[in-house]
Amino acid sequence: MTDLLQEWHTLLVRHSVSPRIDDVGAALLGRWAEPHRSYHDLSHLRGILAGVDALEAFADDPDAVRLAAWYHDAVYAGRSDDEENSALLAESELTDLGVDPVFVAEVGRLVRVTITHDPAPGDHNGQVLSDADLAVLAVPPADYQHNTARVRAEYGHITDADFGLWRGRMIEAMLAGPSLYRTVQGRRLWEDAARTNLKAELAALSG
């Protein structure tokens, strides 16, 4: 995790002079490493940060997008209010670090965009974050299937039937839209592969 902590430090020192930057970053990484996480873990954090790197030229404020990526699943209990609680955590911790309130508000807003992955047409920051979070859908098929199994493991309290119904509805809703990704670069990099993976999973669920 040393490399991630260095990334956090490099990012935060542009916005805070607090001596607690590294302590907050270490605690945040500890959240991502919680034992109950099998999918929403450090590898997922690395993946969304890589996605932001790939799309940062489209963002109006890449630093705000990166911080939102750091916090977007910081609270993960498999509950419907995870994103809201993650946003509240971001706002609280960044405020305590003395980060500019306008910047803090933007980070919190962006975390909340991941609730629906439906940013407004002119919301470049939201579009980059949403696309980066969904980039994982375009991994090779074997990796996609492995990720699906990891997601399933986080919902052990749900029956196979209910989980399959939820996944099927989610996939159908995603495929019904004109595109999964909102940025031109995101569509170029990931659209075709992601749709192939989603259609394959939907077929398996229906079989």
N, C-alpha and C. Protein backbone atom coordinates (compact mmCIF):
# COMPACT_ATOMS: atom_id res chain seq x y z
N MET A 1 0.82 -1.22 0.00
CA MET A 1 0.00 0.00 0.00
C MET A 1 0.85 1.27 0.00
N THR A 2 2.16 1.09 0.05
CA THR A 2 3.05 2.25 0.12
C THR A 2 2.87 3.17 -1.08
N ASP A 3 2.71 2.58 -2.26
CA ASP A 3 2.55 3.40 -3.46
C ASP A 3 1.26 4.20 -3.41
N LEU A 4 0.20 3.59 -2.90
CA LEU A 4 -1.07 4.31 -2.79
C LEU A 4 -0.98 5.43 -1.77
N LEU A 5 -0.32 5.18 -0.67
CA LEU A 5 -0.17 6.23 0.33
C LEU A 5 0.63 7.40 -0.23
N GLN A 6 1.62 7.11 -1.06
CA GLN A 6 2.38 8.19 -1.69
C GLN A 6 1.52 8.97 -2.67
N GLU A 7 0.67 8.26 -3.43
CA GLU A 7 -0.24 8.94 -4.34
C GLU A 7 -1.17 9.87 -3.56
N TRP A 8 -1.70 9.35 -2.45
CA TRP A 8 -2.58 10.16 -1.59
C TRP A 8 -1.84 11.42 -1.11
N HIS A 9 -0.63 11.24 -0.62
CA HIS A 9 0.15 12.36 -0.09
C HIS A 9 0.39 13.41 -1.18
N THR A 10 0.81 12.95 -2.35
CA THR A 10 1.09 13.87 -3.45
C THR A 10 -0.15 14.67 -3.84
N LEU A 11 -1.29 14.02 -3.80
CA LEU A 11 -2.56 14.67 -4.14
C LEU A 11 -2.96 15.68 -3.06
N LEU A 12 -2.89 15.27 -1.81
CA LEU A 12 -3.41 16.11 -0.73
C LEU A 12 -2.54 17.32 -0.43
N VAL A 13 -1.24 17.21 -0.63
CA VAL A 13 -0.39 18.36 -0.29
C VAL A 13 -0.65 19.54 -1.23
N ARG A 14 -1.35 19.29 -2.33
CA ARG A 14 -1.74 20.41 -3.19
C ARG A 14 -2.92 21.18 -2.62
N HIS A 15 -3.56 20.60 -1.58
CA HIS A 15 -4.79 21.21 -1.07
C HIS A 15 -4.80 21.38 0.45
N SER A 16 -3.78 20.88 1.13
CA SER A 16 -3.76 20.95 2.59
C SER A 16 -2.33 21.04 3.09
N VAL A 17 -2.16 21.76 4.19
CA VAL A 17 -0.86 21.83 4.86
C VAL A 17 -0.91 21.11 6.21
N SER A 18 -1.96 20.36 6.44
CA SER A 18 -2.13 19.67 7.72
C SER A 18 -1.06 18.60 7.91
N PRO A 19 -0.53 18.45 9.13
CA PRO A 19 0.42 17.38 9.41
C PRO A 19 -0.24 16.00 9.49
N ARG A 20 -1.57 15.97 9.38
CA ARG A 20 -2.31 14.72 9.51
C ARG A 20 -2.65 14.07 8.17
N ILE A 21 -2.13 14.62 7.09
CA ILE A 21 -2.46 14.09 5.77
C ILE A 21 -2.19 12.60 5.69
N ASP A 22 -1.00 12.16 6.09
CA ASP A 22 -0.64 10.75 5.96
C ASP A 22 -1.45 9.87 6.90
N ASP A 23 -1.78 10.37 8.08
CA ASP A 23 -2.60 9.58 9.01
C ASP A 23 -3.99 9.34 8.43
N VAL A 24 -4.57 10.37 7.85
CA VAL A 24 -5.90 10.23 7.24
C VAL A 24 -5.83 9.27 6.06
N GLY A 25 -4.78 9.39 5.25
CA GLY A 25 -4.63 8.48 4.11
C GLY A 25 -4.47 7.04 4.54
N ALA A 26 -3.67 6.80 5.59
CA ALA A 26 -3.47 5.43 6.07
C ALA A 26 -4.78 4.84 6.60
N ALA A 27 -5.55 5.66 7.31
CA ALA A 27 -6.84 5.19 7.82
C ALA A 27 -7.81 4.89 6.67
N LEU A 28 -7.76 5.71 5.63
CA LEU A 28 -8.62 5.48 4.48
C LEU A 28 -8.25 4.18 3.77
N LEU A 29 -6.96 3.94 3.62
CA LEU A 29 -6.52 2.68 3.02
C LEU A 29 -6.93 1.50 3.89
N GLY A 30 -6.94 1.69 5.20
CA GLY A 30 -7.40 0.64 6.09
C GLY A 30 -8.86 0.28 5.84
N ARG A 31 -9.66 1.27 5.51
CA ARG A 31 -11.06 0.99 5.17
C ARG A 31 -11.15 0.11 3.92
N TRP A 32 -10.34 0.46 2.90
CA TRP A 32 -10.37 -0.30 1.66
C TRP A 32 -9.87 -1.73 1.85
N ALA A 33 -9.14 -1.98 2.92
CA ALA A 33 -8.58 -3.30 3.18
C ALA A 33 -9.39 -4.10 4.21
N GLU A 34 -10.57 -3.63 4.54
CA GLU A 34 -11.40 -4.34 5.53
C GLU A 34 -11.66 -5.77 5.09
N PRO A 35 -11.64 -6.72 6.04
CA PRO A 35 -11.71 -8.15 5.68
C PRO A 35 -13.02 -8.58 5.02
N HIS A 36 -14.10 -7.84 5.22
CA HIS A 36 -15.37 -8.27 4.62
C HIS A 36 -15.48 -7.90 3.14
N ARG A 37 -14.51 -7.16 2.62
CA ARG A 37 -14.54 -6.76 1.22
C ARG A 37 -13.85 -7.83 0.37
N SER A 38 -14.54 -8.27 -0.66
CA SER A 38 -13.91 -9.19 -1.61
C SER A 38 -13.79 -8.58 -3.00
N TYR A 39 -14.62 -7.59 -3.29
CA TYR A 39 -14.54 -6.88 -4.57
C TYR A 39 -14.20 -5.40 -4.38
N HIS A 40 -14.93 -4.73 -3.50
CA HIS A 40 -14.71 -3.30 -3.29
C HIS A 40 -13.51 -3.09 -2.36
N ASP A 41 -12.35 -3.50 -2.86
CA ASP A 41 -11.14 -3.53 -2.05
C ASP A 41 -10.05 -2.67 -2.69
N LEU A 42 -8.82 -2.87 -2.26
CA LEU A 42 -7.71 -2.07 -2.77
C LEU A 42 -7.52 -2.22 -4.28
N SER A 43 -7.79 -3.40 -4.82
CA SER A 43 -7.64 -3.56 -6.26
C SER A 43 -8.68 -2.74 -7.01
N HIS A 44 -9.87 -2.62 -6.43
CA HIS A 44 -10.91 -1.77 -7.04
C HIS A 44 -10.49 -0.31 -6.98
N LEU A 45 -9.92 0.10 -5.86
CA LEU A 45 -9.43 1.47 -5.74
C LEU A 45 -8.37 1.75 -6.80
N ARG A 46 -7.42 0.83 -6.95
CA ARG A 46 -6.38 1.01 -7.97
C ARG A 46 -7.00 1.11 -9.37
N GLY A 47 -8.02 0.30 -9.61
CA GLY A 47 -8.65 0.29 -10.93
C GLY A 47 -9.33 1.60 -11.26
N ILE A 48 -10.07 2.17 -10.31
CA ILE A 48 -10.77 3.42 -10.62
C ILE A 48 -9.77 4.58 -10.73
N LEU A 49 -8.69 4.54 -9.93
CA LEU A 49 -7.68 5.58 -10.08
C LEU A 49 -7.00 5.50 -11.44
N ALA A 50 -6.77 4.28 -11.94
CA ALA A 50 -6.20 4.12 -13.28
C ALA A 50 -7.18 4.65 -14.33
N GLY A 51 -8.47 4.42 -14.11
CA GLY A 51 -9.47 4.93 -15.04
C GLY A 51 -9.48 6.45 -15.07
N VAL A 52 -9.36 7.07 -13.90
CA VAL A 52 -9.28 8.54 -13.86
C VAL A 52 -8.05 9.02 -14.60
N ASP A 53 -6.92 8.33 -14.43
CA ASP A 53 -5.71 8.72 -15.16
C ASP A 53 -5.95 8.70 -16.67
N ALA A 54 -6.69 7.69 -17.14
CA ALA A 54 -6.93 7.55 -18.57
C ALA A 54 -7.83 8.65 -19.12
N LEU A 55 -8.66 9.24 -18.26
CA LEU A 55 -9.67 10.20 -18.72
C LEU A 55 -9.45 11.61 -18.20
N GLU A 56 -8.37 11.86 -17.47
CA GLU A 56 -8.24 13.12 -16.74
C GLU A 56 -8.28 14.35 -17.64
N ALA A 57 -7.89 14.22 -18.90
CA ALA A 57 -7.89 15.38 -19.79
C ALA A 57 -9.31 15.92 -20.00
N PHE A 58 -10.32 15.10 -19.78
CA PHE A 58 -11.71 15.52 -19.99
C PHE A 58 -12.28 16.20 -18.75
N ALA A 59 -11.66 15.99 -17.58
CA ALA A 59 -12.19 16.54 -16.32
C ALA A 59 -11.90 18.03 -16.20
N ASP A 60 -12.80 18.75 -15.58
CA ASP A 60 -12.56 20.16 -15.27
C ASP A 60 -11.64 20.30 -14.06
N ASP A 61 -11.71 19.35 -13.14
CA ASP A 61 -10.87 19.38 -11.95
C ASP A 61 -10.43 17.95 -11.62
N PRO A 62 -9.35 17.47 -12.25
CA PRO A 62 -8.91 16.09 -12.03
C PRO A 62 -8.63 15.76 -10.56
N ASP A 63 -8.15 16.72 -9.79
CA ASP A 63 -7.89 16.45 -8.37
C ASP A 63 -9.17 16.14 -7.61
N ALA A 64 -10.23 16.87 -7.89
CA ALA A 64 -11.51 16.59 -7.23
C ALA A 64 -12.02 15.21 -7.62
N VAL A 65 -11.85 14.85 -8.88
CA VAL A 65 -12.28 13.53 -9.34
C VAL A 65 -11.48 12.43 -8.65
N ARG A 66 -10.16 12.65 -8.54
CA ARG A 66 -9.32 11.63 -7.89
C ARG A 66 -9.69 11.46 -6.42
N LEU A 67 -9.93 12.56 -5.73
CA LEU A 67 -10.31 12.45 -4.32
C LEU A 67 -11.67 11.76 -4.18
N ALA A 68 -12.58 12.04 -5.08
CA ALA A 68 -13.87 11.35 -5.06
C ALA A 68 -13.67 9.86 -5.30
N ALA A 69 -12.74 9.50 -6.18
CA ALA A 69 -12.43 8.08 -6.41
C ALA A 69 -11.91 7.43 -5.13
N TRP A 70 -11.05 8.13 -4.42
CA TRP A 70 -10.52 7.61 -3.16
C TRP A 70 -11.63 7.35 -2.15
N TYR A 71 -12.65 8.19 -2.16
CA TYR A 71 -13.68 8.10 -1.13
C TYR A 71 -14.95 7.38 -1.58
N HIS A 72 -15.11 7.06 -2.86
CA HIS A 72 -16.44 6.68 -3.33
C HIS A 72 -16.97 5.39 -2.72
N ASP A 73 -16.11 4.49 -2.29
CA ASP A 73 -16.55 3.28 -1.57
C ASP A 73 -15.82 3.16 -0.24
N ALA A 74 -15.45 4.31 0.33
CA ALA A 74 -14.72 4.27 1.60
C ALA A 74 -15.55 3.64 2.71
N VAL A 75 -16.85 3.88 2.67
CA VAL A 75 -17.78 3.18 3.56
C VAL A 75 -18.46 2.12 2.74
N TYR A 76 -18.25 0.85 3.10
CA TYR A 76 -18.88 -0.21 2.32
C TYR A 76 -19.40 -1.30 3.26
N ALA A 77 -20.72 -1.31 3.38
CA ALA A 77 -21.38 -2.30 4.22
C ALA A 77 -22.46 -3.05 3.45
N GLY A 78 -22.50 -2.87 2.12
CA GLY A 78 -23.52 -3.52 1.32
C GLY A 78 -24.90 -2.94 1.54
N ARG A 79 -24.97 -1.67 1.93
CA ARG A 79 -26.24 -1.01 2.22
C ARG A 79 -26.50 0.10 1.21
N SER A 80 -27.75 0.51 1.11
CA SER A 80 -28.13 1.51 0.11
C SER A 80 -27.58 2.90 0.43
N ASP A 81 -27.16 3.12 1.67
CA ASP A 81 -26.64 4.44 2.02
C ASP A 81 -25.11 4.48 2.06
N ASP A 82 -24.45 3.47 1.50
CA ASP A 82 -22.98 3.44 1.52
C ASP A 82 -22.38 4.67 0.84
N GLU A 83 -22.89 5.03 -0.33
CA GLU A 83 -22.33 6.17 -1.06
C GLU A 83 -22.54 7.48 -0.30
N GLU A 84 -23.73 7.64 0.27
CA GLU A 84 -23.99 8.85 1.05
C GLU A 84 -23.05 8.92 2.25
N ASN A 85 -22.88 7.82 2.94
CA ASN A 85 -21.97 7.82 4.08
C ASN A 85 -20.52 8.04 3.66
N SER A 86 -20.17 7.54 2.48
CA SER A 86 -18.83 7.79 1.96
C SER A 86 -18.63 9.27 1.66
N ALA A 87 -19.65 9.90 1.09
CA ALA A 87 -19.58 11.34 0.80
C ALA A 87 -19.46 12.14 2.08
N LEU A 88 -20.23 11.77 3.09
CA LEU A 88 -20.16 12.46 4.37
C LEU A 88 -18.78 12.30 5.01
N LEU A 89 -18.20 11.12 4.88
CA LEU A 89 -16.85 10.90 5.40
C LEU A 89 -15.84 11.79 4.68
N ALA A 90 -15.95 11.86 3.36
CA ALA A 90 -15.05 12.71 2.59
C ALA A 90 -15.16 14.15 3.03
N GLU A 91 -16.38 14.63 3.16
CA GLU A 91 -16.59 16.04 3.54
C GLU A 91 -16.04 16.31 4.94
N SER A 92 -16.23 15.38 5.85
CA SER A 92 -15.75 15.56 7.22
C SER A 92 -14.22 15.55 7.29
N GLU A 93 -13.60 14.54 6.66
CA GLU A 93 -12.15 14.41 6.77
C GLU A 93 -11.42 15.52 6.02
N LEU A 94 -11.89 15.86 4.84
CA LEU A 94 -11.22 16.91 4.07
C LEU A 94 -11.39 18.27 4.74
N THR A 95 -12.55 18.50 5.35
CA THR A 95 -12.74 19.74 6.10
C THR A 95 -11.77 19.80 7.27
N ASP A 96 -11.61 18.69 7.98
CA ASP A 96 -10.68 18.65 9.11
C ASP A 96 -9.23 18.89 8.67
N LEU A 97 -8.93 18.54 7.42
CA LEU A 97 -7.59 18.77 6.90
C LEU A 97 -7.39 20.20 6.39
N GLY A 98 -8.44 20.99 6.47
CA GLY A 98 -8.33 22.38 6.07
C GLY A 98 -8.44 22.61 4.58
N VAL A 99 -9.03 21.67 3.86
CA VAL A 99 -9.19 21.80 2.42
C VAL A 99 -10.28 22.84 2.12
N ASP A 100 -10.11 23.56 1.03
CA ASP A 100 -11.05 24.61 0.63
C ASP A 100 -12.49 24.08 0.59
N PRO A 101 -13.43 24.77 1.24
CA PRO A 101 -14.82 24.27 1.32
C PRO A 101 -15.47 24.03 -0.04
N VAL A 102 -15.19 24.88 -1.02
CA VAL A 102 -15.79 24.69 -2.35
C VAL A 102 -15.29 23.40 -2.97
N PHE A 103 -14.01 23.14 -2.82
CA PHE A 103 -13.41 21.91 -3.32
C PHE A 103 -13.99 20.70 -2.59
N VAL A 104 -14.12 20.81 -1.27
CA VAL A 104 -14.70 19.72 -0.48
C VAL A 104 -16.12 19.40 -0.96
N ALA A 105 -16.90 20.44 -1.20
CA ALA A 105 -18.28 20.24 -1.66
C ALA A 105 -18.31 19.52 -3.00
N GLU A 106 -17.38 19.84 -3.88
CA GLU A 106 -17.33 19.17 -5.18
C GLU A 106 -16.97 17.70 -5.02
N VAL A 107 -16.04 17.39 -4.15
CA VAL A 107 -15.69 15.99 -3.91
C VAL A 107 -16.91 15.23 -3.39
N GLY A 108 -17.60 15.80 -2.42
CA GLY A 108 -18.80 15.15 -1.89
C GLY A 108 -19.86 14.94 -2.96
N ARG A 109 -20.06 15.96 -3.78
CA ARG A 109 -21.04 15.83 -4.87
C ARG A 109 -20.67 14.71 -5.80
N LEU A 110 -19.40 14.60 -6.14
CA LEU A 110 -18.95 13.58 -7.07
C LEU A 110 -19.12 12.18 -6.49
N VAL A 111 -18.83 12.01 -5.23
CA VAL A 111 -19.06 10.70 -4.61
C VAL A 111 -20.52 10.30 -4.77
N ARG A 112 -21.41 11.26 -4.60
CA ARG A 112 -22.84 10.96 -4.71
C ARG A 112 -23.25 10.65 -6.15
N VAL A 113 -22.49 11.10 -7.13
CA VAL A 113 -22.77 10.75 -8.53
C VAL A 113 -22.70 9.24 -8.73
N THR A 114 -21.87 8.56 -7.95
CA THR A 114 -21.72 7.11 -8.13
C THR A 114 -22.93 6.32 -7.62
N ILE A 115 -23.88 7.00 -7.02
CA ILE A 115 -25.12 6.32 -6.62
C ILE A 115 -25.87 5.84 -7.86
N THR A 116 -25.94 6.70 -8.88
CA THR A 116 -26.72 6.39 -10.08
C THR A 116 -25.88 6.27 -11.34
N HIS A 117 -24.62 6.77 -11.31
CA HIS A 117 -23.79 6.83 -12.51
C HIS A 117 -24.53 7.51 -13.65
N ASP A 118 -25.20 8.61 -13.32
CA ASP A 118 -25.99 9.34 -14.32
C ASP A 118 -25.67 10.84 -14.24
N PRO A 119 -24.41 11.21 -14.52
CA PRO A 119 -24.04 12.63 -14.46
C PRO A 119 -24.71 13.43 -15.57
N ALA A 120 -24.93 14.70 -15.31
CA ALA A 120 -25.54 15.58 -16.30
C ALA A 120 -24.62 15.75 -17.50
N PRO A 121 -25.18 16.10 -18.67
CA PRO A 121 -24.36 16.24 -19.89
C PRO A 121 -23.16 17.16 -19.74
N GLY A 122 -23.29 18.24 -18.99
CA GLY A 122 -22.18 19.17 -18.85
C GLY A 122 -21.28 18.91 -17.65
N ASP A 123 -21.55 17.83 -16.93
CA ASP A 123 -20.80 17.52 -15.72
C ASP A 123 -19.57 16.70 -16.07
N HIS A 124 -18.53 17.35 -16.53
CA HIS A 124 -17.33 16.63 -16.97
C HIS A 124 -16.68 15.85 -15.84
N ASN A 125 -16.61 16.45 -14.67
CA ASN A 125 -16.02 15.73 -13.54
C ASN A 125 -16.81 14.46 -13.22
N GLY A 126 -18.13 14.60 -13.18
CA GLY A 126 -18.98 13.45 -12.89
C GLY A 126 -18.89 12.38 -13.96
N GLN A 127 -18.79 12.80 -15.20
CA GLN A 127 -18.68 11.85 -16.30
C GLN A 127 -17.38 11.06 -16.22
N VAL A 128 -16.29 11.73 -15.88
CA VAL A 128 -15.01 11.04 -15.76
C VAL A 128 -15.05 10.04 -14.61
N LEU A 129 -15.58 10.46 -13.47
CA LEU A 129 -15.64 9.55 -12.32
C LEU A 129 -16.53 8.35 -12.61
N SER A 130 -17.69 8.59 -13.20
CA SER A 130 -18.60 7.50 -13.52
C SER A 130 -17.97 6.52 -14.49
N ASP A 131 -17.35 7.04 -15.54
CA ASP A 131 -16.71 6.17 -16.52
C ASP A 131 -15.56 5.39 -15.90
N ALA A 132 -14.77 6.03 -15.06
CA ALA A 132 -13.65 5.35 -14.42
C ALA A 132 -14.13 4.22 -13.51
N ASP A 133 -15.25 4.46 -12.84
CA ASP A 133 -15.80 3.43 -11.94
C ASP A 133 -16.33 2.24 -12.72
N LEU A 134 -16.82 2.49 -13.94
CA LEU A 134 -17.39 1.42 -14.77
C LEU A 134 -16.37 0.80 -15.72
N ALA A 135 -15.15 1.31 -15.72
CA ALA A 135 -14.13 0.76 -16.62
C ALA A 135 -13.88 -0.72 -16.36
N VAL A 136 -14.11 -1.15 -15.13
CA VAL A 136 -13.88 -2.55 -14.76
C VAL A 136 -14.79 -3.51 -15.53
N LEU A 137 -15.88 -3.00 -16.09
CA LEU A 137 -16.78 -3.85 -16.87
C LEU A 137 -16.13 -4.33 -18.17
N ALA A 138 -15.05 -3.69 -18.57
CA ALA A 138 -14.42 -3.98 -19.86
C ALA A 138 -13.18 -4.86 -19.74
N VAL A 139 -12.96 -5.45 -18.58
CA VAL A 139 -11.79 -6.33 -18.43
C VAL A 139 -12.01 -7.60 -19.24
N PRO A 140 -10.97 -8.41 -19.47
CA PRO A 140 -11.15 -9.68 -20.19
C PRO A 140 -12.23 -10.55 -19.54
N PRO A 141 -12.93 -11.36 -20.34
CA PRO A 141 -14.07 -12.14 -19.83
C PRO A 141 -13.77 -12.96 -18.57
N ALA A 142 -12.63 -13.61 -18.51
CA ALA A 142 -12.30 -14.42 -17.33
C ALA A 142 -12.20 -13.54 -16.08
N ASP A 143 -11.59 -12.36 -16.24
CA ASP A 143 -11.49 -11.43 -15.12
C ASP A 143 -12.86 -10.89 -14.73
N TYR A 144 -13.70 -10.64 -15.72
CA TYR A 144 -15.05 -10.17 -15.45
C TYR A 144 -15.82 -11.20 -14.62
N GLN A 145 -15.72 -12.46 -15.00
CA GLN A 145 -16.41 -13.52 -14.26
C GLN A 145 -15.88 -13.64 -12.83
N HIS A 146 -14.56 -13.48 -12.69
CA HIS A 146 -13.96 -13.51 -11.36
C HIS A 146 -14.48 -12.35 -10.51
N ASN A 147 -14.58 -11.17 -11.11
CA ASN A 147 -15.10 -10.02 -10.39
C ASN A 147 -16.55 -10.22 -9.98
N THR A 148 -17.34 -10.82 -10.86
CA THR A 148 -18.74 -11.09 -10.54
C THR A 148 -18.84 -12.01 -9.33
N ALA A 149 -17.98 -13.01 -9.28
CA ALA A 149 -17.96 -13.92 -8.13
C ALA A 149 -17.56 -13.18 -6.86
N ARG A 150 -16.64 -12.24 -6.99
CA ARG A 150 -16.21 -11.46 -5.83
C ARG A 150 -17.34 -10.55 -5.33
N VAL A 151 -18.10 -9.98 -6.27
CA VAL A 151 -19.25 -9.18 -5.89
C VAL A 151 -20.28 -10.07 -5.18
N ARG A 152 -20.51 -11.26 -5.72
CA ARG A 152 -21.48 -12.18 -5.11
C ARG A 152 -21.10 -12.50 -3.67
N ALA A 153 -19.81 -12.64 -3.42
CA ALA A 153 -19.34 -12.98 -2.08
C ALA A 153 -19.66 -11.88 -1.07
N GLU A 154 -19.77 -10.65 -1.53
CA GLU A 154 -20.09 -9.55 -0.64
C GLU A 154 -21.59 -9.49 -0.30
N TYR A 155 -22.38 -10.27 -1.00
CA TYR A 155 -23.82 -10.30 -0.77
C TYR A 155 -24.26 -11.68 -0.30
N GLY A 156 -23.47 -12.24 0.60
CA GLY A 156 -23.78 -13.57 1.11
C GLY A 156 -25.10 -13.67 1.84
N HIS A 157 -25.62 -12.53 2.28
CA HIS A 157 -26.89 -12.51 3.01
C HIS A 157 -28.09 -12.56 2.06
N ILE A 158 -27.84 -12.54 0.75
CA ILE A 158 -28.92 -12.56 -0.25
C ILE A 158 -28.92 -13.92 -0.94
N THR A 159 -30.10 -14.46 -1.19
CA THR A 159 -30.20 -15.76 -1.86
C THR A 159 -29.72 -15.65 -3.30
N ASP A 160 -29.33 -16.78 -3.88
CA ASP A 160 -28.89 -16.79 -5.27
C ASP A 160 -29.97 -16.24 -6.19
N ALA A 161 -31.22 -16.62 -5.92
CA ALA A 161 -32.32 -16.17 -6.77
C ALA A 161 -32.46 -14.65 -6.73
N ASP A 162 -32.44 -14.09 -5.53
CA ASP A 162 -32.59 -12.64 -5.39
C ASP A 162 -31.39 -11.90 -5.97
N PHE A 163 -30.20 -12.46 -5.78
CA PHE A 163 -29.01 -11.82 -6.33
C PHE A 163 -29.06 -11.82 -7.85
N GLY A 164 -29.46 -12.97 -8.43
CA GLY A 164 -29.56 -13.06 -9.89
C GLY A 164 -30.60 -12.11 -10.44
N LEU A 165 -31.71 -11.96 -9.73
CA LEU A 165 -32.76 -11.04 -10.17
C LEU A 165 -32.25 -9.60 -10.15
N TRP A 166 -31.56 -9.24 -9.08
CA TRP A 166 -31.00 -7.90 -8.95
C TRP A 166 -29.97 -7.63 -10.04
N ARG A 167 -29.06 -8.58 -10.25
CA ARG A 167 -28.04 -8.39 -11.28
C ARG A 167 -28.67 -8.28 -12.66
N GLY A 168 -29.64 -9.13 -12.92
CA GLY A 168 -30.28 -9.10 -14.23
C GLY A 168 -30.95 -7.77 -14.52
N ARG A 169 -31.67 -7.25 -13.55
CA ARG A 169 -32.34 -5.97 -13.72
C ARG A 169 -31.33 -4.84 -13.92
N MET A 170 -30.25 -4.89 -13.15
CA MET A 170 -29.23 -3.86 -13.26
C MET A 170 -28.58 -3.88 -14.65
N ILE A 171 -28.26 -5.09 -15.12
CA ILE A 171 -27.61 -5.21 -16.43
C ILE A 171 -28.56 -4.77 -17.55
N GLU A 172 -29.81 -5.17 -17.48
CA GLU A 172 -30.78 -4.76 -18.49
C GLU A 172 -30.91 -3.24 -18.55
N ALA A 173 -30.93 -2.61 -17.38
CA ALA A 173 -31.04 -1.15 -17.35
C ALA A 173 -29.80 -0.50 -17.97
N MET A 174 -28.63 -1.06 -17.70
CA MET A 174 -27.40 -0.50 -18.25
C MET A 174 -27.35 -0.66 -19.76
N LEU A 175 -27.74 -1.81 -20.25
CA LEU A 175 -27.70 -2.07 -21.68
C LEU A 175 -28.76 -1.31 -22.45
N ALA A 176 -29.81 -0.87 -21.76
CA ALA A 176 -30.91 -0.17 -22.44
C ALA A 176 -30.52 1.24 -22.87
N GLY A 177 -29.50 1.80 -22.24
CA GLY A 177 -29.08 3.15 -22.58
C GLY A 177 -28.29 3.19 -23.88
N PRO A 178 -28.13 4.38 -24.43
CA PRO A 178 -27.38 4.52 -25.69
C PRO A 178 -25.92 4.16 -25.55
N SER A 179 -25.35 4.35 -24.36
CA SER A 179 -23.96 3.97 -24.11
C SER A 179 -23.74 3.83 -22.61
N LEU A 180 -22.77 3.02 -22.24
CA LEU A 180 -22.43 2.83 -20.84
C LEU A 180 -21.56 3.98 -20.33
N TYR A 181 -20.81 4.57 -21.24
CA TYR A 181 -19.82 5.58 -20.87
C TYR A 181 -20.21 6.94 -21.43
N ARG A 182 -19.87 7.97 -20.68
CA ARG A 182 -20.29 9.32 -21.04
C ARG A 182 -19.22 10.11 -21.77
N THR A 183 -17.97 9.73 -21.62
CA THR A 183 -16.89 10.45 -22.30
C THR A 183 -16.56 9.75 -23.61
N VAL A 184 -16.09 10.51 -24.58
CA VAL A 184 -15.69 9.94 -25.87
C VAL A 184 -14.58 8.91 -25.67
N GLN A 185 -13.61 9.25 -24.83
CA GLN A 185 -12.50 8.34 -24.57
C GLN A 185 -12.97 7.06 -23.87
N GLY A 186 -13.88 7.20 -22.94
CA GLY A 186 -14.41 6.03 -22.26
C GLY A 186 -15.12 5.09 -23.22
N ARG A 187 -15.90 5.67 -24.12
CA ARG A 187 -16.59 4.82 -25.10
C ARG A 187 -15.58 4.14 -26.02
N ARG A 188 -14.56 4.86 -26.40
CA ARG A 188 -13.56 4.28 -27.30
C ARG A 188 -12.79 3.15 -26.63
N LEU A 189 -12.45 3.35 -25.37
CA LEU A 189 -11.63 2.37 -24.67
C LEU A 189 -12.40 1.14 -24.21
N TRP A 190 -13.66 1.35 -23.76
CA TRP A 190 -14.30 0.29 -22.97
C TRP A 190 -15.69 -0.15 -23.44
N GLU A 191 -16.39 0.61 -24.28
CA GLU A 191 -17.80 0.33 -24.56
C GLU A 191 -18.02 -1.08 -25.12
N ASP A 192 -17.32 -1.44 -26.17
CA ASP A 192 -17.58 -2.72 -26.83
C ASP A 192 -17.32 -3.90 -25.91
N ALA A 193 -16.19 -3.88 -25.23
CA ALA A 193 -15.84 -4.99 -24.34
C ALA A 193 -16.81 -5.08 -23.17
N ALA A 194 -17.19 -3.94 -22.63
CA ALA A 194 -18.12 -3.95 -21.50
C ALA A 194 -19.48 -4.51 -21.90
N ARG A 195 -19.99 -4.10 -23.06
CA ARG A 195 -21.28 -4.61 -23.51
C ARG A 195 -21.22 -6.12 -23.75
N THR A 196 -20.11 -6.60 -24.30
CA THR A 196 -19.96 -8.03 -24.52
C THR A 196 -20.02 -8.79 -23.19
N ASN A 197 -19.33 -8.29 -22.19
CA ASN A 197 -19.33 -8.94 -20.87
C ASN A 197 -20.70 -8.91 -20.23
N LEU A 198 -21.37 -7.77 -20.29
CA LEU A 198 -22.69 -7.65 -19.67
C LEU A 198 -23.71 -8.57 -20.36
N LYS A 199 -23.67 -8.63 -21.69
CA LYS A 199 -24.60 -9.49 -22.41
C LYS A 199 -24.35 -10.96 -22.09
N ALA A 200 -23.09 -11.34 -21.93
CA ALA A 200 -22.76 -12.72 -21.58
C ALA A 200 -23.27 -13.07 -20.20
N GLU A 201 -23.11 -12.15 -19.24
CA GLU A 201 -23.62 -12.42 -17.90
C GLU A 201 -25.13 -12.50 -17.89
N LEU A 202 -25.79 -11.60 -18.63
CA LEU A 202 -27.25 -11.62 -18.68
C LEU A 202 -27.75 -12.92 -19.29
N ALA A 203 -27.08 -13.41 -20.33
CA ALA A 203 -27.46 -14.68 -20.94
C ALA A 203 -27.29 -15.82 -19.95
N ALA A 204 -26.23 -15.79 -19.17
CA ALA A 204 -26.00 -16.85 -18.18
C ALA A 204 -27.07 -16.82 -17.09
N LEU A 205 -27.46 -15.61 -16.69
CA LEU A 205 -28.50 -15.49 -15.68
C LEU A 205 -29.85 -15.97 -16.19
N SER A 206 -30.07 -15.81 -17.48
CA SER A 206 -31.37 -16.17 -18.07
C SER A 206 -31.43 -17.65 -18.45
N GLY A 207 -30.26 -18.29 -18.50
CA GLY A 207 -30.18 -19.67 -18.97
C GLY A 207 -30.68 -20.70 -17.96
